[in-house]
Amino acid sequence: MTASFGFAFLIFGLTLVIREGDEIVSLLGNAAPLLGGLYFPVTLLPTPLLVISYVFPFTWGIDLLRAVFLDSKTILSFETELILLFIMSLGYFGMGILSYKSLEIKMRRKGIQGF
């Protein structure tokens, strides 16, 4: 969940810059379950989408949950995925807050989006 909040802050920062940012939010919101492996394991995706899916924190969280509840094999080792998810959670959360704050300050100076 922490990575999801950080990812959301990254997207919210973009919506301050792009006037019609809700399309980006809708696109990512609709693509996240597919690219994150909610419906099927991401290893079945074509290579370009597989590479993109590895950037989403949802991929690793869902893979770990699937391994715990269904006793299935993980993409990487269980411990490696857990560490990766933890690092991604902190990284996305930190990057999300920093990018949102910097974009908010930038947009306040420009006077865009009602600031």
N, C-alpha and C. Protein backbone atom coordinates (compact mmCIF):
# COMPACT_ATOMS: atom_id res chain seq x y z
N MET A 1 0.82 -1.19 0.00
CA MET A 1 0.00 0.00 0.00
C MET A 1 0.86 1.25 0.00
N THR A 2 2.00 1.19 0.67
CA THR A 2 2.88 2.36 0.72
C THR A 2 3.37 2.71 -0.68
N ALA A 3 3.75 1.71 -1.45
CA ALA A 3 4.19 1.96 -2.82
C ALA A 3 3.06 2.52 -3.66
N SER A 4 1.85 2.06 -3.42
CA SER A 4 0.70 2.57 -4.16
C SER A 4 0.47 4.05 -3.87
N PHE A 5 0.62 4.45 -2.61
CA PHE A 5 0.47 5.86 -2.27
C PHE A 5 1.55 6.69 -2.94
N GLY A 6 2.77 6.20 -2.92
CA GLY A 6 3.85 6.91 -3.57
C GLY A 6 3.64 7.02 -5.06
N PHE A 7 3.17 5.94 -5.67
CA PHE A 7 2.86 5.94 -7.10
C PHE A 7 1.75 6.95 -7.39
N ALA A 8 0.76 7.01 -6.50
CA ALA A 8 -0.34 7.96 -6.67
C ALA A 8 0.16 9.41 -6.57
N PHE A 9 1.10 9.69 -5.66
CA PHE A 9 1.65 11.03 -5.57
C PHE A 9 2.39 11.42 -6.84
N LEU A 10 3.09 10.47 -7.45
CA LEU A 10 3.75 10.73 -8.73
C LEU A 10 2.73 11.14 -9.79
N ILE A 11 1.63 10.42 -9.84
CA ILE A 11 0.59 10.71 -10.83
C ILE A 11 -0.11 12.03 -10.50
N PHE A 12 -0.36 12.30 -9.22
CA PHE A 12 -1.00 13.55 -8.83
C PHE A 12 -0.15 14.75 -9.21
N GLY A 13 1.17 14.60 -9.07
CA GLY A 13 2.06 15.67 -9.49
C GLY A 13 1.96 15.95 -10.97
N LEU A 14 1.81 14.89 -11.75
CA LEU A 14 1.65 15.07 -13.19
C LEU A 14 0.34 15.77 -13.53
N THR A 15 -0.70 15.51 -12.75
CA THR A 15 -1.98 16.16 -13.03
C THR A 15 -1.92 17.66 -12.75
N LEU A 16 -0.97 18.10 -11.94
CA LEU A 16 -0.80 19.54 -11.74
C LEU A 16 -0.19 20.20 -12.97
N VAL A 17 0.62 19.44 -13.69
CA VAL A 17 1.31 19.97 -14.86
C VAL A 17 0.43 19.86 -16.11
N ILE A 18 -0.21 18.72 -16.26
CA ILE A 18 -1.04 18.47 -17.43
C ILE A 18 -2.48 18.77 -17.06
N ARG A 19 -3.09 19.64 -17.82
CA ARG A 19 -4.47 20.05 -17.49
C ARG A 19 -5.46 18.90 -17.50
N GLU A 20 -5.31 18.01 -18.43
CA GLU A 20 -6.23 16.87 -18.53
C GLU A 20 -5.54 15.60 -18.02
N GLY A 21 -5.05 15.66 -16.82
CA GLY A 21 -4.32 14.54 -16.24
C GLY A 21 -5.19 13.36 -15.86
N ASP A 22 -6.51 13.55 -15.85
CA ASP A 22 -7.38 12.44 -15.47
C ASP A 22 -7.31 11.29 -16.48
N GLU A 23 -6.92 11.59 -17.73
CA GLU A 23 -6.75 10.51 -18.71
C GLU A 23 -5.57 9.61 -18.32
N ILE A 24 -4.51 10.22 -17.82
CA ILE A 24 -3.35 9.44 -17.37
C ILE A 24 -3.73 8.57 -16.19
N VAL A 25 -4.47 9.15 -15.26
CA VAL A 25 -4.91 8.40 -14.09
C VAL A 25 -5.81 7.23 -14.51
N SER A 26 -6.73 7.49 -15.44
CA SER A 26 -7.62 6.42 -15.92
C SER A 26 -6.85 5.33 -16.63
N LEU A 27 -5.91 5.73 -17.48
CA LEU A 27 -5.11 4.75 -18.22
C LEU A 27 -4.32 3.85 -17.27
N LEU A 28 -3.62 4.47 -16.33
CA LEU A 28 -2.83 3.68 -15.38
C LEU A 28 -3.71 2.87 -14.44
N GLY A 29 -4.84 3.46 -14.05
CA GLY A 29 -5.75 2.74 -13.17
C GLY A 29 -6.36 1.50 -13.82
N ASN A 30 -6.63 1.61 -15.11
CA ASN A 30 -7.18 0.46 -15.82
C ASN A 30 -6.11 -0.54 -16.23
N ALA A 31 -4.90 -0.07 -16.46
CA ALA A 31 -3.82 -0.96 -16.88
C ALA A 31 -3.13 -1.66 -15.70
N ALA A 32 -3.19 -1.06 -14.53
CA ALA A 32 -2.48 -1.60 -13.36
C ALA A 32 -2.87 -3.04 -13.03
N PRO A 33 -4.17 -3.40 -13.01
CA PRO A 33 -4.48 -4.80 -12.70
C PRO A 33 -3.93 -5.77 -13.75
N LEU A 34 -3.96 -5.37 -15.01
CA LEU A 34 -3.44 -6.23 -16.06
C LEU A 34 -1.92 -6.34 -15.96
N LEU A 35 -1.25 -5.20 -15.85
CA LEU A 35 0.21 -5.21 -15.79
C LEU A 35 0.74 -5.69 -14.45
N GLY A 36 -0.08 -5.64 -13.42
CA GLY A 36 0.35 -6.08 -12.11
C GLY A 36 0.15 -7.56 -11.85
N GLY A 37 -0.53 -8.24 -12.76
CA GLY A 37 -0.70 -9.68 -12.60
C GLY A 37 -1.91 -10.08 -11.78
N LEU A 38 -2.90 -9.22 -11.69
CA LEU A 38 -4.08 -9.55 -10.90
C LEU A 38 -4.89 -10.67 -11.55
N TYR A 39 -5.01 -10.63 -12.86
CA TYR A 39 -5.85 -11.60 -13.57
C TYR A 39 -5.10 -12.87 -13.94
N PHE A 40 -3.81 -12.76 -14.20
CA PHE A 40 -2.99 -13.91 -14.55
C PHE A 40 -1.54 -13.54 -14.26
N PRO A 41 -0.66 -14.52 -14.13
CA PRO A 41 0.75 -14.22 -13.83
C PRO A 41 1.38 -13.35 -14.93
N VAL A 42 2.17 -12.38 -14.53
CA VAL A 42 2.78 -11.46 -15.49
C VAL A 42 3.78 -12.15 -16.41
N THR A 43 4.25 -13.31 -16.03
CA THR A 43 5.20 -14.02 -16.89
C THR A 43 4.58 -14.44 -18.21
N LEU A 44 3.26 -14.37 -18.33
CA LEU A 44 2.57 -14.69 -19.58
C LEU A 44 2.47 -13.49 -20.52
N LEU A 45 2.83 -12.30 -20.04
CA LEU A 45 2.77 -11.10 -20.86
C LEU A 45 3.87 -11.10 -21.92
N PRO A 46 3.64 -10.41 -23.04
CA PRO A 46 4.73 -10.23 -24.01
C PRO A 46 5.88 -9.46 -23.38
N THR A 47 7.08 -9.64 -23.90
CA THR A 47 8.29 -9.07 -23.30
C THR A 47 8.21 -7.56 -23.05
N PRO A 48 7.74 -6.72 -24.00
CA PRO A 48 7.68 -5.28 -23.70
C PRO A 48 6.77 -4.96 -22.50
N LEU A 49 5.63 -5.64 -22.43
CA LEU A 49 4.73 -5.40 -21.29
C LEU A 49 5.28 -6.01 -20.01
N LEU A 50 6.01 -7.10 -20.14
CA LEU A 50 6.62 -7.73 -18.96
C LEU A 50 7.63 -6.79 -18.32
N VAL A 51 8.43 -6.12 -19.13
CA VAL A 51 9.41 -5.17 -18.61
C VAL A 51 8.70 -4.03 -17.89
N ILE A 52 7.62 -3.52 -18.48
CA ILE A 52 6.86 -2.43 -17.85
C ILE A 52 6.23 -2.92 -16.54
N SER A 53 5.74 -4.15 -16.53
CA SER A 53 5.07 -4.66 -15.34
C SER A 53 6.02 -4.79 -14.15
N TYR A 54 7.29 -5.03 -14.42
CA TYR A 54 8.26 -5.14 -13.32
C TYR A 54 8.48 -3.81 -12.61
N VAL A 55 8.11 -2.71 -13.23
CA VAL A 55 8.26 -1.39 -12.60
C VAL A 55 7.12 -1.12 -11.62
N PHE A 56 5.98 -1.75 -11.83
CA PHE A 56 4.84 -1.56 -10.94
C PHE A 56 5.05 -2.31 -9.63
N PRO A 57 4.84 -1.66 -8.51
CA PRO A 57 4.94 -2.36 -7.22
C PRO A 57 3.84 -3.40 -7.05
N PHE A 58 2.71 -3.21 -7.75
CA PHE A 58 1.59 -4.15 -7.64
C PHE A 58 2.02 -5.55 -8.08
N THR A 59 2.89 -5.61 -9.09
CA THR A 59 3.34 -6.89 -9.62
C THR A 59 3.95 -7.74 -8.52
N TRP A 60 4.83 -7.14 -7.76
CA TRP A 60 5.54 -7.89 -6.73
C TRP A 60 4.63 -8.21 -5.55
N GLY A 61 3.77 -7.28 -5.19
CA GLY A 61 2.83 -7.53 -4.10
C GLY A 61 1.85 -8.64 -4.43
N ILE A 62 1.31 -8.62 -5.64
CA ILE A 62 0.37 -9.66 -6.05
C ILE A 62 1.07 -11.00 -6.17
N ASP A 63 2.29 -10.99 -6.70
CA ASP A 63 3.03 -12.25 -6.83
C ASP A 63 3.31 -12.86 -5.45
N LEU A 64 3.65 -12.03 -4.49
CA LEU A 64 3.88 -12.52 -3.12
C LEU A 64 2.59 -13.05 -2.50
N LEU A 65 1.49 -12.33 -2.68
CA LEU A 65 0.21 -12.80 -2.14
C LEU A 65 -0.21 -14.12 -2.78
N ARG A 66 -0.02 -14.21 -4.09
CA ARG A 66 -0.36 -15.45 -4.79
C ARG A 66 0.47 -16.62 -4.25
N ALA A 67 1.74 -16.36 -3.96
CA ALA A 67 2.61 -17.41 -3.43
C ALA A 67 2.18 -17.84 -2.03
N VAL A 68 1.78 -16.88 -1.21
CA VAL A 68 1.37 -17.20 0.17
C VAL A 68 0.04 -17.95 0.18
N PHE A 69 -0.94 -17.43 -0.56
CA PHE A 69 -2.28 -18.02 -0.50
C PHE A 69 -2.44 -19.28 -1.35
N LEU A 70 -1.77 -19.33 -2.48
CA LEU A 70 -1.95 -20.47 -3.40
C LEU A 70 -0.75 -21.40 -3.43
N ASP A 71 0.26 -21.07 -2.66
CA ASP A 71 1.49 -21.87 -2.61
C ASP A 71 2.08 -22.05 -4.02
N SER A 72 2.07 -20.95 -4.78
CA SER A 72 2.62 -20.99 -6.14
C SER A 72 4.06 -20.50 -6.13
N LYS A 73 4.72 -20.72 -7.24
CA LYS A 73 6.11 -20.31 -7.38
C LYS A 73 6.16 -18.81 -7.69
N THR A 74 7.10 -18.11 -7.07
CA THR A 74 7.26 -16.67 -7.33
C THR A 74 8.20 -16.44 -8.52
N ILE A 75 8.18 -15.23 -9.04
CA ILE A 75 9.05 -14.88 -10.16
C ILE A 75 10.50 -14.97 -9.73
N LEU A 76 10.82 -14.31 -8.65
CA LEU A 76 12.14 -14.40 -8.02
C LEU A 76 11.96 -15.20 -6.73
N SER A 77 13.01 -15.31 -5.94
CA SER A 77 12.82 -15.98 -4.66
C SER A 77 11.92 -15.13 -3.76
N PHE A 78 11.25 -15.78 -2.85
CA PHE A 78 10.30 -15.09 -1.98
C PHE A 78 10.97 -13.95 -1.23
N GLU A 79 12.14 -14.22 -0.66
CA GLU A 79 12.85 -13.21 0.12
C GLU A 79 13.28 -12.03 -0.76
N THR A 80 13.75 -12.33 -1.97
CA THR A 80 14.17 -11.28 -2.89
C THR A 80 13.00 -10.38 -3.26
N GLU A 81 11.86 -10.98 -3.55
CA GLU A 81 10.67 -10.19 -3.89
C GLU A 81 10.21 -9.35 -2.72
N LEU A 82 10.29 -9.89 -1.51
CA LEU A 82 9.89 -9.14 -0.33
C LEU A 82 10.79 -7.92 -0.13
N ILE A 83 12.08 -8.11 -0.29
CA ILE A 83 13.03 -7.00 -0.18
C ILE A 83 12.80 -5.99 -1.29
N LEU A 84 12.58 -6.47 -2.50
CA LEU A 84 12.33 -5.59 -3.64
C LEU A 84 11.07 -4.77 -3.43
N LEU A 85 10.02 -5.40 -2.93
CA LEU A 85 8.77 -4.68 -2.66
C LEU A 85 8.98 -3.62 -1.58
N PHE A 86 9.75 -3.94 -0.56
CA PHE A 86 10.03 -2.98 0.50
C PHE A 86 10.81 -1.79 -0.04
N ILE A 87 11.84 -2.05 -0.86
CA ILE A 87 12.64 -0.97 -1.44
C ILE A 87 11.79 -0.12 -2.39
N MET A 88 10.96 -0.79 -3.20
CA MET A 88 10.09 -0.05 -4.12
C MET A 88 9.07 0.79 -3.34
N SER A 89 8.58 0.26 -2.24
CA SER A 89 7.62 1.00 -1.43
C SER A 89 8.23 2.29 -0.91
N LEU A 90 9.42 2.18 -0.34
CA LEU A 90 10.08 3.38 0.17
C LEU A 90 10.47 4.32 -0.97
N GLY A 91 10.97 3.75 -2.07
CA GLY A 91 11.40 4.56 -3.20
C GLY A 91 10.25 5.31 -3.84
N TYR A 92 9.16 4.61 -4.14
CA TYR A 92 8.00 5.28 -4.75
C TYR A 92 7.39 6.30 -3.82
N PHE A 93 7.33 5.99 -2.55
CA PHE A 93 6.74 6.93 -1.59
C PHE A 93 7.60 8.20 -1.52
N GLY A 94 8.91 8.03 -1.41
CA GLY A 94 9.80 9.19 -1.36
C GLY A 94 9.78 9.99 -2.64
N MET A 95 9.89 9.30 -3.78
CA MET A 95 9.85 10.00 -5.07
C MET A 95 8.51 10.68 -5.30
N GLY A 96 7.45 10.02 -4.90
CA GLY A 96 6.12 10.59 -5.08
C GLY A 96 5.93 11.87 -4.31
N ILE A 97 6.32 11.86 -3.06
CA ILE A 97 6.17 13.07 -2.24
C ILE A 97 7.07 14.19 -2.75
N LEU A 98 8.32 13.87 -3.07
CA LEU A 98 9.23 14.90 -3.59
C LEU A 98 8.76 15.47 -4.91
N SER A 99 8.32 14.62 -5.82
CA SER A 99 7.86 15.13 -7.12
C SER A 99 6.59 15.95 -6.97
N TYR A 100 5.67 15.50 -6.13
CA TYR A 100 4.44 16.26 -5.93
C TYR A 100 4.74 17.64 -5.36
N LYS A 101 5.58 17.68 -4.33
CA LYS A 101 5.91 18.96 -3.71
C LYS A 101 6.61 19.90 -4.70
N SER A 102 7.59 19.36 -5.45
CA SER A 102 8.31 20.22 -6.39
C SER A 102 7.41 20.69 -7.53
N LEU A 103 6.54 19.82 -8.03
CA LEU A 103 5.63 20.23 -9.09
C LEU A 103 4.57 21.19 -8.57
N GLU A 104 4.16 21.03 -7.33
CA GLU A 104 3.20 21.96 -6.75
C GLU A 104 3.81 23.35 -6.63
N ILE A 105 5.03 23.43 -6.17
CA ILE A 105 5.71 24.73 -6.05
C ILE A 105 5.89 25.36 -7.43
N LYS A 106 6.28 24.55 -8.40
CA LYS A 106 6.47 25.04 -9.76
C LYS A 106 5.16 25.56 -10.34
N MET A 107 4.07 24.85 -10.13
CA MET A 107 2.79 25.27 -10.68
C MET A 107 2.23 26.48 -9.93
N ARG A 108 2.53 26.63 -8.67
CA ARG A 108 2.10 27.81 -7.94
C ARG A 108 2.79 29.07 -8.50
N ARG A 109 4.06 28.90 -8.87
CA ARG A 109 4.79 30.03 -9.47
C ARG A 109 4.22 30.39 -10.83
N LYS A 110 3.85 29.38 -11.60
CA LYS A 110 3.31 29.62 -12.94
C LYS A 110 1.85 30.09 -12.90
N GLY A 111 1.17 29.75 -11.83
CA GLY A 111 -0.24 30.13 -11.72
C GLY A 111 -1.17 29.23 -12.50
N ILE A 112 -0.79 28.00 -12.71
CA ILE A 112 -1.61 27.06 -13.47
C ILE A 112 -2.44 26.21 -12.52
N GLN A 113 -3.61 25.79 -13.00
CA GLN A 113 -4.51 24.90 -12.29
C GLN A 113 -5.09 25.55 -11.03
N GLY A 114 -5.34 26.82 -11.08
CA GLY A 114 -6.04 27.49 -9.99
C GLY A 114 -5.19 27.83 -8.78
N PHE A 115 -3.87 27.69 -8.87
CA PHE A 115 -3.02 28.04 -7.73
C PHE A 115 -2.77 29.51 -7.72
